[in-house]
Amino acid sequence: MCLRCILQLKVRKCGIVYIFHPLNDWFTGVTMIVQAEIFRCLSSWLTAGEIDASSLASTPLLVYAFEALASDDLFDVAVNVICDTIHETQEVDDNQEVIQVIIPQVIALEPLLTTWTEDSDKIRGLARIFAEAGETYRGLILHHTETFFPLVKAIGHCSAHPDLDVVPITFPFWMRLAQSIGKKPSVSPLFHEAYQTLMNIIIRHLHFPATAVSQTSQEAENFRHFRHVMGDTLKDCCVVLGTDACLMTAYGLVTSALSRDPSTVSWQEVEAPLFSMRSMGAEVDPDDENVVPKIMDLIPNLPSHPRIQYATLLLIARYTEWTSKHPDYLPTQLQYVSAGFDSPEEDVQMAAGQALKYLCQDCKMVKRLNLQLEEPTDTSFYSIWRRFSHNCTLLFPPKDLNWHRKSGCKYTRQLPT
């Protein structure tokens, strides 16, 4: 019979309290394999409700779990025990004594993020511990900020790690903390600093690799998907910092890049903040007169790199509700969309079609567009729509193509005969 089965049987016969003391005495005198099995038993007992966190914390076994993080053989099972113990203290009022034992030991792990920075597996385990503690104790973080804020800093450290398998472990914490902050009339400035730092970290993670050849096709697809996940965390930043402040941060990154010698600026430095602006588009007030006009004024001055064109066209598509209330910006946007259809890059052409689709949908009632039709120019709305309808049938499947054409028809029906 395996050790785990023996221990489970003894628990049923004697109760967990009678098992703990012999385990404590026995633990230091057994092999790593047996110690690992004991930790697995502890995790299963915590999960099944056979023991509670206070019972475990009253023994040296919880301390052993933290000490076991130094062992390669015991690291993963020790992380599980610590996370399960933290999870079982969600009823904060009933577990204050246990939490007072856990938190100092968790916070004391923060220097290991620097020590083990090259070991992604260990950083991932530490990130799990910090994130579990952050999510479980976010109420305490808000009410006792000075005591618990080192936990927020440690989670921020994990978010900044270059391994993108580590970063998303922290996202649920940032989301739930932002939701809690959003319900409070005021919070410590420390939280604003944390989310401002987080926003800069996320935009940095949004950068495409310097050399695309270093990624397989699957890795590239995974990264594109992950960028959209990171976009949700940018929305959490908007909850705490305000949409205007977040957009201005991204805007500042673009203008800073454009102000430098073009030979020293990579296209990623422009594309990433443009993508972030698109991600935050759902939080934008369609009546905004302060920040979005600055962003739209950037469009004619952006570099002509295909990736930047693609990002800008999708940005236009995302902000069409705002454009419908600010029709003076339509000529510039239509000119940019027209140039997109002339690009040799299929992705750029498809993005131009996407922008045109939403301009048709959201701006069909804007009478200013009538003026565009009166001038037979290559950038008039009608000219662009006709070029799309006649020349881009190979870009979209029939269903999507019909959607675009119907959108254009909805617009033209608004025009005087």
Protein backbone atom coordinates (compact mmCIF):
# COMPACT_ATOMS: atom_id res chain seq x y z
CA MET A 1 0.00 0.00 0.00
CA CYS A 2 1.35 3.44 -0.94
CA LEU A 3 2.23 6.04 1.69
CA ARG A 4 -0.62 8.32 0.67
CA CYS A 5 -3.18 5.51 1.13
CA ILE A 6 -1.73 4.65 4.55
CA LEU A 7 -1.93 8.25 5.69
CA GLN A 8 -5.47 8.64 4.36
CA LEU A 9 -6.50 5.48 6.21
CA LYS A 10 -4.97 6.72 9.46
CA VAL A 11 -6.79 10.03 9.07
CA ARG A 12 -10.11 8.20 8.79
CA LYS A 13 -9.36 6.05 11.83
CA CYS A 14 -7.63 8.52 14.14
CA GLY A 15 -8.44 11.98 12.84
CA ILE A 16 -6.03 14.51 11.42
CA VAL A 17 -5.04 15.97 14.80
CA TYR A 18 -3.49 12.65 15.83
CA ILE A 19 -1.57 12.36 12.59
CA PHE A 20 0.08 15.78 12.63
CA HIS A 21 2.43 15.29 15.60
CA PRO A 22 4.05 12.07 14.33
CA LEU A 23 4.33 13.62 10.88
CA ASN A 24 6.20 16.56 12.36
CA ASP A 25 8.68 14.30 14.11
CA TRP A 26 9.05 12.00 11.14
CA PHE A 27 9.31 14.59 8.37
CA THR A 28 12.96 15.53 8.78
CA GLY A 29 14.16 11.93 8.87
CA VAL A 30 12.75 10.66 5.56
CA THR A 31 13.70 10.80 1.91
CA MET A 32 12.67 13.50 -0.56
CA ILE A 33 10.24 11.07 -2.18
CA VAL A 34 8.42 10.50 1.09
CA GLN A 35 8.44 14.22 1.91
CA ALA A 36 6.94 14.98 -1.50
CA GLU A 37 4.22 12.39 -0.87
CA ILE A 38 3.43 14.00 2.49
CA PHE A 39 3.03 17.38 0.79
CA ARG A 40 0.71 15.83 -1.79
CA CYS A 41 -1.36 14.38 1.04
CA LEU A 42 -1.55 17.77 2.71
CA SER A 43 -2.77 19.37 -0.51
CA SER A 44 -5.44 16.74 -1.03
CA TRP A 45 -6.59 17.04 2.59
CA LEU A 46 -6.84 20.82 2.32
CA THR A 47 -8.76 20.59 -0.94
CA ALA A 48 -11.13 17.92 0.39
CA GLY A 49 -11.73 19.80 3.63
CA GLU A 50 -10.23 17.03 5.77
CA ILE A 51 -8.08 19.67 7.49
CA ASP A 52 -8.30 23.43 7.73
CA ALA A 53 -5.59 26.01 7.37
CA SER A 54 -5.46 26.81 11.08
CA SER A 55 -4.73 23.17 11.92
CA LEU A 56 -1.89 23.06 9.44
CA ALA A 57 -0.48 26.42 10.53
CA SER A 58 -0.34 25.22 14.13
CA THR A 59 2.29 22.66 13.13
CA PRO A 60 5.79 23.03 11.67
CA LEU A 61 4.57 21.51 8.39
CA LEU A 62 3.59 24.88 6.91
CA VAL A 63 7.05 26.21 7.75
CA TYR A 64 8.53 23.09 6.13
CA ALA A 65 6.55 23.90 2.97
CA PHE A 66 8.17 27.33 2.70
CA GLU A 67 11.60 25.85 3.44
CA ALA A 68 11.03 23.17 0.80
CA LEU A 69 10.91 25.85 -1.91
CA ALA A 70 14.71 25.75 -1.80
CA SER A 71 14.63 22.11 -2.99
CA ASP A 72 14.31 21.36 -6.70
CA ASP A 73 12.66 18.03 -5.88
CA LEU A 74 10.08 19.49 -3.51
CA PHE A 75 9.48 22.90 -5.11
CA ASP A 76 6.29 22.12 -7.06
CA VAL A 77 4.54 20.17 -4.29
CA ALA A 78 5.52 22.84 -1.73
CA VAL A 79 4.02 25.55 -3.98
CA ASN A 80 0.78 23.54 -4.13
CA VAL A 81 0.59 23.22 -0.35
CA ILE A 82 1.22 26.94 0.18
CA CYS A 83 -1.34 27.98 -2.46
CA ASP A 84 -3.94 25.53 -1.10
CA THR A 85 -3.37 26.80 2.44
CA ILE A 86 -3.79 30.43 1.34
CA HIS A 87 -6.92 29.53 -0.62
CA GLU A 88 -8.45 27.96 2.47
CA THR A 89 -8.13 31.26 4.38
CA GLN A 90 -10.60 33.14 2.16
CA GLU A 91 -12.82 33.75 5.18
CA VAL A 92 -10.44 36.42 6.38
CA ASP A 93 -12.22 37.26 9.63
CA ASP A 94 -12.12 33.62 10.71
CA ASN A 95 -8.46 33.12 9.80
CA GLN A 96 -6.70 36.25 11.01
CA GLU A 97 -4.18 34.35 13.14
CA VAL A 98 -3.28 32.04 10.26
CA ILE A 99 -2.95 34.97 7.86
CA GLN A 100 -0.57 36.67 10.27
CA VAL A 101 1.61 33.56 10.03
CA ILE A 102 1.37 33.24 6.24
CA ILE A 103 1.85 36.81 5.02
CA PRO A 104 5.35 37.50 6.45
CA GLN A 105 6.60 34.24 4.95
CA VAL A 106 5.04 35.03 1.56
CA ILE A 107 6.45 38.56 1.48
CA ALA A 108 9.86 37.19 2.46
CA LEU A 109 9.91 35.25 -0.82
CA GLU A 110 10.09 38.45 -2.92
CA PRO A 111 13.94 38.58 -3.14
CA LEU A 112 13.86 35.14 -4.76
CA LEU A 113 12.28 36.73 -7.83
CA THR A 114 15.66 38.34 -8.46
CA THR A 115 17.72 35.34 -7.37
CA TRP A 116 15.82 32.94 -9.63
CA THR A 117 15.07 35.35 -12.47
CA GLU A 118 16.65 32.99 -15.05
CA ASP A 119 14.63 29.98 -13.83
CA SER A 120 11.19 30.41 -15.37
CA ASP A 121 9.77 27.32 -13.65
CA LYS A 122 10.57 28.66 -10.20
CA ILE A 123 9.39 32.16 -11.07
CA ARG A 124 6.13 30.61 -12.25
CA GLY A 125 5.71 28.87 -8.90
CA LEU A 126 6.45 32.04 -6.95
CA ALA A 127 4.00 33.94 -9.16
CA ARG A 128 1.31 31.41 -8.24
CA ILE A 129 1.94 31.99 -4.54
CA PHE A 130 1.95 35.78 -4.80
CA ALA A 131 -1.11 35.86 -7.06
CA GLU A 132 -3.06 33.48 -4.80
CA ALA A 133 -2.24 35.61 -1.78
CA GLY A 134 -3.11 38.81 -3.65
CA GLU A 135 -6.49 37.54 -4.80
CA THR A 136 -7.37 36.04 -1.42
CA TYR A 137 -6.29 39.06 0.62
CA ARG A 138 -7.20 41.93 -1.71
CA GLY A 139 -9.60 43.31 0.92
CA LEU A 140 -6.74 43.44 3.40
CA ILE A 141 -4.51 45.02 0.75
CA LEU A 142 -7.01 47.87 0.36
CA HIS A 143 -7.64 48.39 4.08
CA HIS A 144 -4.10 47.82 5.37
CA THR A 145 -2.13 49.07 2.40
CA GLU A 146 1.20 49.77 4.12
CA THR A 147 1.37 46.24 5.54
CA PHE A 148 0.22 44.37 2.46
CA PHE A 149 1.53 46.53 -0.39
CA PRO A 150 4.82 44.58 -0.64
CA LEU A 151 2.60 41.78 -1.94
CA VAL A 152 1.38 44.07 -4.75
CA LYS A 153 4.98 44.98 -5.60
CA ALA A 154 5.94 41.31 -5.78
CA ILE A 155 3.05 40.59 -8.14
CA GLY A 156 4.11 43.56 -10.26
CA HIS A 157 7.61 42.05 -10.38
CA CYS A 158 6.08 38.83 -11.71
CA SER A 159 4.07 40.76 -14.32
CA ALA A 160 7.30 42.32 -15.58
CA HIS A 161 9.05 38.99 -16.09
CA PRO A 162 10.04 38.38 -19.74
CA ASP A 163 8.59 34.85 -19.78
CA LEU A 164 5.06 35.34 -21.09
CA ASP A 165 3.97 32.08 -19.46
CA VAL A 166 4.54 33.75 -16.09
CA VAL A 167 2.82 37.06 -16.81
CA PRO A 168 -0.82 35.88 -17.19
CA ILE A 169 -0.76 34.22 -13.77
CA THR A 170 -1.01 37.73 -12.34
CA PHE A 171 -3.89 39.00 -14.52
CA PRO A 172 -6.82 37.78 -12.37
CA PHE A 173 -5.32 39.63 -9.40
CA TRP A 174 -5.04 42.92 -11.28
CA MET A 175 -8.60 42.54 -12.61
CA ARG A 176 -10.17 41.81 -9.22
CA LEU A 177 -8.14 44.49 -7.45
CA ALA A 178 -9.21 47.04 -10.08
CA GLN A 179 -12.84 46.05 -9.60
CA SER A 180 -12.49 46.55 -5.84
CA ILE A 181 -10.72 49.88 -6.28
CA GLY A 182 -13.44 51.02 -8.69
CA LYS A 183 -16.03 50.66 -5.92
CA LYS A 184 -14.14 52.89 -3.49
CA PRO A 185 -14.31 56.71 -3.50
CA SER A 186 -10.56 56.99 -2.94
CA VAL A 187 -7.52 54.76 -2.49
CA SER A 188 -3.86 55.17 -1.66
CA PRO A 189 -1.71 56.77 -4.40
CA LEU A 190 0.39 53.61 -4.21
CA PHE A 191 -2.27 51.81 -6.26
CA HIS A 192 -2.17 54.45 -8.97
CA GLU A 193 1.59 54.07 -9.14
CA ALA A 194 1.25 50.28 -9.32
CA TYR A 195 -1.22 50.41 -12.21
CA GLN A 196 0.79 53.08 -14.05
CA THR A 197 3.82 50.79 -13.81
CA LEU A 198 1.69 47.84 -14.88
CA MET A 199 0.48 49.70 -17.95
CA ASN A 200 4.03 50.45 -19.09
CA ILE A 201 4.94 46.80 -18.48
CA ILE A 202 2.02 45.53 -20.56
CA ILE A 203 2.80 47.85 -23.48
CA ARG A 204 6.39 46.62 -23.37
CA HIS A 205 5.13 43.01 -23.50
CA LEU A 206 3.01 43.94 -26.53
CA HIS A 207 6.13 44.48 -28.64
CA PHE A 208 6.54 41.94 -31.38
CA PRO A 209 9.91 40.11 -31.33
CA ALA A 210 12.68 41.97 -33.10
CA THR A 211 13.12 39.04 -35.49
CA ALA A 212 9.96 37.21 -36.51
CA VAL A 213 12.02 34.28 -37.82
CA SER A 214 12.77 33.33 -34.20
CA GLN A 215 9.12 32.24 -33.77
CA THR A 216 7.35 29.22 -35.19
CA SER A 217 3.95 29.81 -36.80
CA GLN A 218 2.24 28.40 -33.71
CA GLU A 219 4.28 30.62 -31.40
CA ALA A 220 3.38 33.64 -33.52
CA GLU A 221 -0.31 32.74 -33.36
CA ASN A 222 -0.12 32.22 -29.59
CA PHE A 223 1.54 35.60 -29.18
CA ARG A 224 -1.14 37.35 -31.25
CA HIS A 225 -3.80 35.76 -29.07
CA PHE A 226 -1.96 36.70 -25.90
CA ARG A 227 -1.79 40.34 -27.00
CA HIS A 228 -5.58 40.47 -26.85
CA VAL A 229 -5.52 38.94 -23.37
CA MET A 230 -3.08 41.64 -22.29
CA GLY A 231 -5.45 44.19 -23.79
CA ASP A 232 -8.01 43.22 -21.15
CA THR A 233 -5.49 44.08 -18.43
CA LEU A 234 -5.05 47.52 -20.02
CA LYS A 235 -8.79 48.01 -19.49
CA ASP A 236 -8.22 47.22 -15.79
CA CYS A 237 -5.65 50.01 -15.77
CA CYS A 238 -8.32 52.33 -17.20
CA VAL A 239 -10.61 51.50 -14.26
CA VAL A 240 -7.97 52.67 -11.78
CA LEU A 241 -6.18 55.45 -13.66
CA GLY A 242 -8.95 56.72 -15.91
CA THR A 243 -9.17 56.20 -19.65
CA ASP A 244 -7.77 59.62 -20.52
CA ALA A 245 -4.63 59.07 -18.46
CA CYS A 246 -4.04 55.64 -20.00
CA LEU A 247 -4.55 56.89 -23.54
CA MET A 248 -2.19 59.79 -22.89
CA THR A 249 0.46 57.35 -21.70
CA ALA A 250 0.22 55.41 -24.96
CA TYR A 251 0.04 58.63 -26.96
CA GLY A 252 3.19 59.88 -25.24
CA LEU A 253 5.06 56.70 -26.21
CA VAL A 254 4.15 57.21 -29.87
CA THR A 255 5.06 60.90 -29.96
CA SER A 256 8.31 60.17 -28.15
CA ALA A 257 9.22 57.58 -30.79
CA LEU A 258 8.27 59.92 -33.65
CA SER A 259 10.40 62.71 -32.23
CA ARG A 260 13.58 60.65 -32.47
CA ASP A 261 15.81 59.90 -35.41
CA PRO A 262 13.83 57.36 -37.51
CA SER A 263 16.93 55.22 -37.92
CA THR A 264 16.98 54.63 -34.16
CA VAL A 265 13.28 53.77 -33.76
CA SER A 266 11.92 50.28 -34.33
CA TRP A 267 8.43 49.84 -35.75
CA GLN A 268 7.53 47.90 -32.59
CA GLU A 269 7.93 51.08 -30.51
CA VAL A 270 5.11 52.69 -32.49
CA GLU A 271 2.92 49.67 -33.14
CA ALA A 272 2.63 48.46 -29.53
CA PRO A 273 1.13 51.69 -28.10
CA LEU A 274 -1.17 51.91 -31.14
CA PHE A 275 -2.39 48.41 -30.34
CA SER A 276 -2.90 49.43 -26.71
CA MET A 277 -5.04 52.40 -27.82
CA ARG A 278 -7.18 50.05 -29.83
CA SER A 279 -7.53 47.70 -26.84
CA MET A 280 -8.71 50.57 -24.66
CA GLY A 281 -11.16 51.79 -27.28
CA ALA A 282 -14.15 50.25 -25.49
CA GLU A 283 -13.50 52.58 -22.55
CA VAL A 284 -13.44 55.76 -24.67
CA ASP A 285 -16.22 58.34 -24.37
CA PRO A 286 -17.59 59.02 -27.88
CA ASP A 287 -17.91 62.68 -26.88
CA ASP A 288 -14.27 63.01 -25.82
CA GLU A 289 -12.69 66.28 -26.91
CA ASN A 290 -9.37 66.05 -25.07
CA VAL A 291 -7.35 62.93 -25.87
CA VAL A 292 -8.81 61.15 -28.90
CA PRO A 293 -8.38 64.21 -31.18
CA LYS A 294 -4.67 64.15 -30.36
CA ILE A 295 -4.53 60.48 -31.33
CA MET A 296 -6.35 61.09 -34.61
CA ASP A 297 -4.03 63.98 -35.43
CA LEU A 298 -1.12 61.51 -35.28
CA ILE A 299 -2.44 59.35 -38.13
CA PRO A 300 -1.04 61.33 -41.10
CA ASN A 301 2.42 61.42 -39.48
CA LEU A 302 2.79 57.70 -38.74
CA PRO A 303 5.48 55.66 -40.52
CA SER A 304 4.36 53.61 -43.50
CA HIS A 305 5.52 50.26 -42.12
CA PRO A 306 2.88 47.56 -42.88
CA ARG A 307 2.54 46.57 -39.20
CA ILE A 308 1.94 50.19 -38.22
CA GLN A 309 -0.56 50.62 -41.07
CA TYR A 310 -2.38 47.49 -39.94
CA ALA A 311 -2.56 48.67 -36.32
CA THR A 312 -3.70 52.16 -37.34
CA LEU A 313 -6.46 50.89 -39.61
CA LEU A 314 -7.83 48.68 -36.84
CA LEU A 315 -7.57 51.67 -34.49
CA ILE A 316 -9.73 53.66 -36.91
CA ALA A 317 -12.19 50.76 -37.02
CA ARG A 318 -12.37 50.68 -33.22
CA TYR A 319 -13.02 54.42 -32.84
CA THR A 320 -15.77 54.84 -35.46
CA GLU A 321 -18.40 55.63 -32.80
CA TRP A 322 -16.23 58.54 -31.75
CA THR A 323 -15.68 59.51 -35.41
CA SER A 324 -19.44 59.60 -36.05
CA LYS A 325 -19.61 62.48 -33.55
CA HIS A 326 -16.47 64.16 -34.89
CA PRO A 327 -16.95 64.04 -38.67
CA ASP A 328 -14.20 66.58 -39.33
CA TYR A 329 -11.78 63.68 -38.94
CA LEU A 330 -13.44 61.58 -41.65
CA PRO A 331 -11.45 62.94 -44.62
CA THR A 332 -8.13 62.05 -42.97
CA GLN A 333 -9.39 58.61 -42.02
CA LEU A 334 -10.81 57.92 -45.47
CA GLN A 335 -7.51 58.92 -47.04
CA TYR A 336 -5.69 56.49 -44.75
CA VAL A 337 -8.19 53.71 -45.54
CA SER A 338 -7.75 54.38 -49.27
CA ALA A 339 -3.97 54.04 -48.92
CA GLY A 340 -4.54 50.76 -47.09
CA PHE A 341 -6.26 49.26 -50.13
CA ASP A 342 -3.17 50.17 -52.19
CA SER A 343 -0.83 48.25 -49.88
CA PRO A 344 0.78 45.09 -51.30
CA GLU A 345 0.26 43.44 -47.90
CA GLU A 346 -2.94 41.39 -47.73
CA ASP A 347 -3.28 41.92 -43.97
CA VAL A 348 -3.23 45.68 -44.47
CA GLN A 349 -5.87 45.47 -47.19
CA MET A 350 -8.08 43.36 -44.93
CA ALA A 351 -7.65 45.88 -42.10
CA ALA A 352 -8.66 48.64 -44.51
CA GLY A 353 -11.78 46.65 -45.31
CA GLN A 354 -12.48 46.28 -41.59
CA ALA A 355 -12.12 50.03 -41.08
CA LEU A 356 -14.42 50.73 -44.00
CA LYS A 357 -16.96 48.26 -42.65
CA TYR A 358 -17.30 50.09 -39.33
CA LEU A 359 -17.18 53.53 -40.93
CA CYS A 360 -20.15 52.39 -43.02
CA GLN A 361 -21.92 51.01 -39.96
CA ASP A 362 -21.36 53.82 -37.48
CA CYS A 363 -21.08 56.87 -39.71
CA LYS A 364 -23.91 56.22 -42.16
CA MET A 365 -26.02 59.00 -40.64
CA VAL A 366 -23.28 61.63 -40.79
CA LYS A 367 -24.38 64.18 -43.37
CA ARG A 368 -20.84 65.52 -43.68
CA LEU A 369 -20.07 62.44 -45.72
CA ASN A 370 -22.34 63.79 -48.44
CA LEU A 371 -19.70 66.39 -49.16
CA GLN A 372 -17.25 63.59 -49.83
CA LEU A 373 -19.48 62.26 -52.58
CA GLU A 374 -19.72 65.60 -54.36
CA GLU A 375 -16.01 65.53 -55.18
CA PRO A 376 -14.87 62.80 -57.59
CA THR A 377 -11.60 62.13 -55.75
CA ASP A 378 -9.84 58.85 -55.05
CA THR A 379 -10.41 59.38 -51.32
CA SER A 380 -14.12 60.14 -51.43
CA PHE A 381 -16.20 57.67 -49.51
CA TYR A 382 -18.09 56.48 -52.56
CA SER A 383 -14.87 55.94 -54.56
CA ILE A 384 -13.30 53.94 -51.77
CA TRP A 385 -16.40 51.82 -51.31
CA ARG A 386 -16.63 51.09 -55.05
CA ARG A 387 -12.93 50.14 -55.18
CA PHE A 388 -13.46 47.81 -52.26
CA SER A 389 -16.57 46.22 -53.77
CA HIS A 390 -15.01 45.65 -57.18
CA ASN A 391 -11.39 44.88 -56.38
CA CYS A 392 -11.30 43.17 -52.98
CA THR A 393 -13.56 40.17 -53.48
CA LEU A 394 -10.59 37.87 -52.99
CA LEU A 395 -9.77 39.25 -49.54
CA PHE A 396 -12.87 38.15 -47.66
CA PRO A 397 -15.08 35.07 -47.59
CA PRO A 398 -18.54 35.64 -49.16
CA LYS A 399 -20.26 36.10 -45.79
CA ASP A 400 -17.89 38.90 -44.70
CA LEU A 401 -17.89 40.46 -48.15
CA ASN A 402 -21.69 40.62 -48.14
CA TRP A 403 -21.59 42.27 -44.72
CA HIS A 404 -19.30 45.01 -46.04
CA ARG A 405 -21.46 45.57 -49.09
CA LYS A 406 -24.64 45.74 -47.03
CA SER A 407 -22.97 48.30 -44.75
CA GLY A 408 -22.10 50.43 -47.76
CA CYS A 409 -25.65 50.15 -49.05
CA LYS A 410 -27.02 51.24 -45.67
CA TYR A 411 -24.86 54.32 -45.93
CA THR A 412 -25.81 55.17 -49.52
CA ARG A 413 -29.50 54.91 -48.66
CA GLN A 414 -29.04 57.90 -46.37
CA LEU A 415 -27.92 60.07 -49.26
CA PRO A 416 -30.19 62.48 -51.15
CA THR A 417 -31.25 61.35 -54.61
